[in-house]
Amino acid sequence: RNDQIAAFLAASGWGGAKRLPLPGDASTR
């Protein structure tokens, strides 16, 4: 999943962005 996200970010112009996880909630997102 991390590889999928990295590839998606790179293809969208956000490759190399600093990634800061946010607290979760009641959902699966």
All heavy atoms as atom14 arrays in JSON, in Angstrom:
{
  "sequence": "RNDQIAAFLAASGWGGAKRLPLPGDASTR",
  "atom14_mask": [
    [1, 1, 1, 1, 1, 1, 1, 1, 1, 1, 1, 0, 0, 0],
    [1, 1, 1, 1, 1, 1, 1, 1, 0, 0, 0, 0, 0, 0],
    [1, 1, 1, 1, 1, 1, 1, 1, 0, 0, 0, 0, 0, 0],
    [1, 1, 1, 1, 1, 1, 1, 1, 1, 0, 0, 0, 0, 0],
    [1, 1, 1, 1, 1, 1, 1, 1, 0, 0, 0, 0, 0, 0],
    [1, 1, 1, 1, 1, 0, 0, 0, 0, 0, 0, 0, 0, 0],
    [1, 1, 1, 1, 1, 0, 0, 0, 0, 0, 0, 0, 0, 0],
    [1, 1, 1, 1, 1, 1, 1, 1, 1, 1, 1, 0, 0, 0],
    [1, 1, 1, 1, 1, 1, 1, 1, 0, 0, 0, 0, 0, 0],
    [1, 1, 1, 1, 1, 0, 0, 0, 0, 0, 0, 0, 0, 0],
    [1, 1, 1, 1, 1, 0, 0, 0, 0, 0, 0, 0, 0, 0],
    [1, 1, 1, 1, 1, 1, 0, 0, 0, 0, 0, 0, 0, 0],
    [1, 1, 1, 1, 0, 0, 0, 0, 0, 0, 0, 0, 0, 0],
    [1, 1, 1, 1, 1, 1, 1, 1, 1, 1, 1, 1, 1, 1],
    [1, 1, 1, 1, 0, 0, 0, 0, 0, 0, 0, 0, 0, 0],
    [1, 1, 1, 1, 0, 0, 0, 0, 0, 0, 0, 0, 0, 0],
    [1, 1, 1, 1, 1, 0, 0, 0, 0, 0, 0, 0, 0, 0],
    [1, 1, 1, 1, 1, 1, 1, 1, 1, 0, 0, 0, 0, 0],
    [1, 1, 1, 1, 1, 1, 1, 1, 1, 1, 1, 0, 0, 0],
    [1, 1, 1, 1, 1, 1, 1, 1, 0, 0, 0, 0, 0, 0],
    [1, 1, 1, 1, 1, 1, 1, 0, 0, 0, 0, 0, 0, 0],
    [1, 1, 1, 1, 1, 1, 1, 1, 0, 0, 0, 0, 0, 0],
    [1, 1, 1, 1, 1, 1, 1, 0, 0, 0, 0, 0, 0, 0],
    [1, 1, 1, 1, 0, 0, 0, 0, 0, 0, 0, 0, 0, 0],
    [1, 1, 1, 1, 1, 1, 1, 1, 0, 0, 0, 0, 0, 0],
    [1, 1, 1, 1, 1, 0, 0, 0, 0, 0, 0, 0, 0, 0],
    [1, 1, 1, 1, 1, 1, 0, 0, 0, 0, 0, 0, 0, 0],
    [1, 1, 1, 1, 1, 1, 1, 0, 0, 0, 0, 0, 0, 0],
    [1, 1, 1, 1, 1, 1, 1, 1, 1, 1, 1, 0, 0, 0]
  ],
  "atom14_positions": [
    [[0.83, -1.2, 0.0], [0.0, 0.0, 0.0], [0.87, 1.25, 0.0], [0.57, 2.24, -0.69], [-0.92, 0.0, 1.22], [-1.93, 1.16, 1.26], [-2.83, 1.12, 0.05], [-3.95, 2.06, 0.16], [-4.81, 2.3, -0.83], [-4.69, 1.66, -1.99], [-5.81, 3.15, -0.67], [0.0, 0.0, 0.0], [0.0, 0.0, 0.0], [0.0, 0.0, 0.0]],
    [[1.94, 1.23, 0.74], [2.84, 2.38, 0.77], [3.44, 2.63, -0.6], [3.59, 3.79, -1.03], [3.94, 2.18, 1.81], [4.61, 3.48, 2.19], [3.96, 4.45, 2.56], [5.93, 3.52, 2.06], [0.0, 0.0, 0.0], [0.0, 0.0, 0.0], [0.0, 0.0, 0.0], [0.0, 0.0, 0.0], [0.0, 0.0, 0.0], [0.0, 0.0, 0.0]],
    [[3.77, 1.57, -1.32], [4.31, 1.72, -2.68], [3.25, 2.31, -3.62], [3.57, 3.15, -4.47], [4.78, 0.37, -3.22], [6.05, -0.14, -2.54], [6.71, 0.67, -1.85], [6.35, -1.34, -2.67], [0.0, 0.0, 0.0], [0.0, 0.0, 0.0], [0.0, 0.0, 0.0], [0.0, 0.0, 0.0], [0.0, 0.0, 0.0], [0.0, 0.0, 0.0]],
    [[2.0, 1.87, -3.47], [0.92, 2.42, -4.3], [0.76, 3.92, -4.05], [0.59, 4.71, -4.99], [-0.39, 1.7, -3.98], [-0.45, 0.27, -4.48], [-1.72, -0.44, -4.02], [-2.37, -0.03, -3.06], [-2.06, -1.53, -4.69], [0.0, 0.0, 0.0], [0.0, 0.0, 0.0], [0.0, 0.0, 0.0], [0.0, 0.0, 0.0], [0.0, 0.0, 0.0]],
    [[0.81, 4.3, -2.78], [0.66, 5.72, -2.44], [1.82, 6.53, -2.99], [1.63, 7.6, -3.57], [0.54, 5.89, -0.91], [-0.79, 5.31, -0.41], [0.68, 7.36, -0.51], [-0.91, 5.26, 1.1], [0.0, 0.0, 0.0], [0.0, 0.0, 0.0], [0.0, 0.0, 0.0], [0.0, 0.0, 0.0], [0.0, 0.0, 0.0], [0.0, 0.0, 0.0]],
    [[3.04, 6.0, -2.84], [4.21, 6.72, -3.34], [4.12, 6.92, -4.86], [4.43, 8.01, -5.37], [5.48, 5.95, -2.98], [0.0, 0.0, 0.0], [0.0, 0.0, 0.0], [0.0, 0.0, 0.0], [0.0, 0.0, 0.0], [0.0, 0.0, 0.0], [0.0, 0.0, 0.0], [0.0, 0.0, 0.0], [0.0, 0.0, 0.0], [0.0, 0.0, 0.0]],
    [[3.69, 5.89, -5.57], [3.56, 6.01, -7.03], [2.46, 7.01, -7.39], [2.62, 7.81, -8.33], [3.26, 4.63, -7.63], [0.0, 0.0, 0.0], [0.0, 0.0, 0.0], [0.0, 0.0, 0.0], [0.0, 0.0, 0.0], [0.0, 0.0, 0.0], [0.0, 0.0, 0.0], [0.0, 0.0, 0.0], [0.0, 0.0, 0.0], [0.0, 0.0, 0.0]],
    [[1.36, 6.99, -6.67], [0.25, 7.93, -6.93], [0.7, 9.36, -6.67], [0.42, 10.27, -7.48], [-0.93, 7.56, -6.03], [-2.05, 8.57, -6.03], [-2.84, 8.77, -7.15], [-2.31, 9.33, -4.89], [-3.87, 9.71, -7.14], [-3.33, 10.26, -4.87], [-4.11, 10.45, -6.0], [0.0, 0.0, 0.0], [0.0, 0.0, 0.0], [0.0, 0.0, 0.0]],
    [[1.41, 9.59, -5.58], [1.89, 10.93, -5.28], [2.86, 11.42, -6.35], [2.78, 12.58, -6.79], [2.58, 10.95, -3.91], [1.68, 10.71, -2.68], [2.53, 10.63, -1.42], [0.65, 11.82, -2.55], [0.0, 0.0, 0.0], [0.0, 0.0, 0.0], [0.0, 0.0, 0.0], [0.0, 0.0, 0.0], [0.0, 0.0, 0.0], [0.0, 0.0, 0.0]],
    [[3.75, 10.54, -6.79], [4.72, 10.93, -7.82], [4.01, 11.29, -9.12], [4.32, 12.3, -9.77], [5.72, 9.8, -8.04], [0.0, 0.0, 0.0], [0.0, 0.0, 0.0], [0.0, 0.0, 0.0], [0.0, 0.0, 0.0], [0.0, 0.0, 0.0], [0.0, 0.0, 0.0], [0.0, 0.0, 0.0], [0.0, 0.0, 0.0], [0.0, 0.0, 0.0]],
    [[3.0, 10.48, -9.51], [2.28, 10.72, -10.76], [1.43, 11.99, -10.69], [1.12, 12.59, -11.72], [1.4, 9.52, -11.08], [0.0, 0.0, 0.0], [0.0, 0.0, 0.0], [0.0, 0.0, 0.0], [0.0, 0.0, 0.0], [0.0, 0.0, 0.0], [0.0, 0.0, 0.0], [0.0, 0.0, 0.0], [0.0, 0.0, 0.0], [0.0, 0.0, 0.0]],
    [[1.1, 12.42, -9.47], [0.23, 13.58, -9.28], [1.01, 14.85, -9.0], [0.41, 15.9, -8.71], [-0.75, 13.31, -8.13], [-1.46, 12.13, -8.33], [0.0, 0.0, 0.0], [0.0, 0.0, 0.0], [0.0, 0.0, 0.0], [0.0, 0.0, 0.0], [0.0, 0.0, 0.0], [0.0, 0.0, 0.0], [0.0, 0.0, 0.0], [0.0, 0.0, 0.0]],
    [[2.34, 14.78, -9.06], [3.15, 15.97, -8.81], [3.46, 16.22, -7.35], [3.93, 17.3, -6.99], [0.0, 0.0, 0.0], [0.0, 0.0, 0.0], [0.0, 0.0, 0.0], [0.0, 0.0, 0.0], [0.0, 0.0, 0.0], [0.0, 0.0, 0.0], [0.0, 0.0, 0.0], [0.0, 0.0, 0.0], [0.0, 0.0, 0.0], [0.0, 0.0, 0.0]],
    [[3.21, 15.23, -6.49], [3.5, 15.38, -5.07], [4.55, 14.37, -4.59], [4.67, 14.11, -3.4], [2.2, 15.22, -4.27], [1.31, 16.41, -4.41], [0.4, 16.65, -5.38], [1.29, 17.56, -3.55], [-0.2, 17.87, -5.21], [0.31, 18.44, -4.07], [1.98, 17.92, -2.4], [0.03, 19.67, -3.49], [1.69, 19.13, -1.8], [0.73, 20.0, -2.33]],
    [[5.33, 13.83, -5.52], [6.41, 12.94, -5.12], [7.43, 13.7, -4.28], [7.74, 14.85, -4.55], [0.0, 0.0, 0.0], [0.0, 0.0, 0.0], [0.0, 0.0, 0.0], [0.0, 0.0, 0.0], [0.0, 0.0, 0.0], [0.0, 0.0, 0.0], [0.0, 0.0, 0.0], [0.0, 0.0, 0.0], [0.0, 0.0, 0.0], [0.0, 0.0, 0.0]],
    [[7.92, 13.07, -3.24], [8.88, 13.72, -2.37], [8.26, 14.61, -1.32], [8.98, 15.25, -0.53], [0.0, 0.0, 0.0], [0.0, 0.0, 0.0], [0.0, 0.0, 0.0], [0.0, 0.0, 0.0], [0.0, 0.0, 0.0], [0.0, 0.0, 0.0], [0.0, 0.0, 0.0], [0.0, 0.0, 0.0], [0.0, 0.0, 0.0], [0.0, 0.0, 0.0]],
    [[6.94, 14.69, -1.27], [6.29, 15.52, -0.26], [6.5, 14.93, 1.13], [6.57, 13.71, 1.31], [4.78, 15.63, -0.53], [0.0, 0.0, 0.0], [0.0, 0.0, 0.0], [0.0, 0.0, 0.0], [0.0, 0.0, 0.0], [0.0, 0.0, 0.0], [0.0, 0.0, 0.0], [0.0, 0.0, 0.0], [0.0, 0.0, 0.0], [0.0, 0.0, 0.0]],
    [[6.62, 15.81, 2.11], [6.64, 15.37, 3.5], [5.24, 14.9, 3.86], [4.25, 15.57, 3.59], [7.07, 16.52, 4.41], [7.26, 16.13, 5.86], [7.78, 17.31, 6.68], [8.01, 16.89, 8.13], [8.5, 18.04, 8.95], [0.0, 0.0, 0.0], [0.0, 0.0, 0.0], [0.0, 0.0, 0.0], [0.0, 0.0, 0.0], [0.0, 0.0, 0.0]],
    [[5.16, 13.72, 4.49], [3.86, 13.12, 4.79], [3.66, 13.05, 6.3], [4.45, 12.41, 7.0], [3.78, 11.73, 4.17], [3.78, 11.74, 2.65], [4.02, 10.36, 2.05], [3.08, 9.36, 2.55], [3.14, 8.07, 2.24], [4.09, 7.63, 1.41], [2.26, 7.22, 2.73], [0.0, 0.0, 0.0], [0.0, 0.0, 0.0], [0.0, 0.0, 0.0]],
    [[2.63, 13.73, 6.79], [2.37, 13.8, 8.22], [1.02, 13.13, 8.5], [-0.04, 13.7, 8.19], [2.33, 15.26, 8.7], [3.59, 16.09, 8.39], [3.36, 17.55, 8.77], [4.78, 15.51, 9.14], [0.0, 0.0, 0.0], [0.0, 0.0, 0.0], [0.0, 0.0, 0.0], [0.0, 0.0, 0.0], [0.0, 0.0, 0.0], [0.0, 0.0, 0.0]],
    [[1.0, 11.93, 9.08], [-0.27, 11.25, 9.37], [-1.12, 12.05, 10.35], [-0.6, 12.7, 11.27], [0.17, 9.92, 9.99], [1.59, 9.74, 9.55], [2.17, 11.12, 9.45], [0.0, 0.0, 0.0], [0.0, 0.0, 0.0], [0.0, 0.0, 0.0], [0.0, 0.0, 0.0], [0.0, 0.0, 0.0], [0.0, 0.0, 0.0], [0.0, 0.0, 0.0]],
    [[-2.43, 12.02, 10.15], [-3.37, 12.7, 11.03], [-4.13, 11.68, 11.86], [-4.25, 10.51, 11.46], [-4.34, 13.55, 10.2], [-3.69, 14.68, 9.4], [-4.74, 15.41, 8.58], [-2.97, 15.65, 10.31], [0.0, 0.0, 0.0], [0.0, 0.0, 0.0], [0.0, 0.0, 0.0], [0.0, 0.0, 0.0], [0.0, 0.0, 0.0], [0.0, 0.0, 0.0]],
    [[-4.66, 12.08, 13.02], [-5.38, 11.13, 13.87], [-6.57, 10.52, 13.14], [-7.23, 11.18, 12.32], [-5.85, 11.99, 15.05], [-4.92, 13.17, 15.06], [-4.55, 13.42, 13.63], [0.0, 0.0, 0.0], [0.0, 0.0, 0.0], [0.0, 0.0, 0.0], [0.0, 0.0, 0.0], [0.0, 0.0, 0.0], [0.0, 0.0, 0.0], [0.0, 0.0, 0.0]],
    [[-6.87, 9.27, 13.44], [-7.99, 8.58, 12.81], [-9.31, 8.93, 13.47], [-9.37, 9.59, 14.5], [0.0, 0.0, 0.0], [0.0, 0.0, 0.0], [0.0, 0.0, 0.0], [0.0, 0.0, 0.0], [0.0, 0.0, 0.0], [0.0, 0.0, 0.0], [0.0, 0.0, 0.0], [0.0, 0.0, 0.0], [0.0, 0.0, 0.0], [0.0, 0.0, 0.0]],
    [[-10.39, 8.47, 12.83], [-11.73, 8.69, 13.39], [-12.48, 7.36, 13.36], [-11.88, 6.3, 13.42], [-12.46, 9.79, 12.63], [-12.63, 9.48, 11.14], [-12.36, 8.32, 10.74], [-13.03, 10.37, 10.38], [0.0, 0.0, 0.0], [0.0, 0.0, 0.0], [0.0, 0.0, 0.0], [0.0, 0.0, 0.0], [0.0, 0.0, 0.0], [0.0, 0.0, 0.0]],
    [[-13.8, 7.42, 13.27], [-14.6, 6.2, 13.32], [-14.64, 5.45, 11.99], [-15.21, 4.38, 11.9], [-16.03, 6.54, 13.75], [0.0, 0.0, 0.0], [0.0, 0.0, 0.0], [0.0, 0.0, 0.0], [0.0, 0.0, 0.0], [0.0, 0.0, 0.0], [0.0, 0.0, 0.0], [0.0, 0.0, 0.0], [0.0, 0.0, 0.0], [0.0, 0.0, 0.0]],
    [[-14.04, 6.01, 10.94], [-14.14, 5.41, 9.61], [-12.91, 4.56, 9.3], [-11.96, 4.49, 10.09], [-14.27, 6.51, 8.55], [-13.02, 7.15, 8.35], [0.0, 0.0, 0.0], [0.0, 0.0, 0.0], [0.0, 0.0, 0.0], [0.0, 0.0, 0.0], [0.0, 0.0, 0.0], [0.0, 0.0, 0.0], [0.0, 0.0, 0.0], [0.0, 0.0, 0.0]],
    [[-12.92, 3.91, 8.13], [-11.77, 3.14, 7.68], [-10.81, 4.0, 6.84], [-9.78, 3.49, 6.4], [-12.22, 1.94, 6.84], [-12.98, 2.41, 5.71], [-13.08, 0.99, 7.65], [0.0, 0.0, 0.0], [0.0, 0.0, 0.0], [0.0, 0.0, 0.0], [0.0, 0.0, 0.0], [0.0, 0.0, 0.0], [0.0, 0.0, 0.0], [0.0, 0.0, 0.0]],
    [[-11.16, 5.26, 6.61], [-10.25, 6.15, 5.87], [-9.15, 6.65, 6.79], [-9.31, 6.71, 8.01], [-11.02, 7.37, 5.32], [-11.99, 7.06, 4.24], [-12.69, 8.32, 3.74], [-13.33, 9.05, 4.83], [-14.51, 8.73, 5.35], [-15.17, 7.69, 4.89], [-15.03, 9.44, 6.33], [0.0, 0.0, 0.0], [0.0, 0.0, 0.0], [0.0, 0.0, 0.0]]
  ]
}
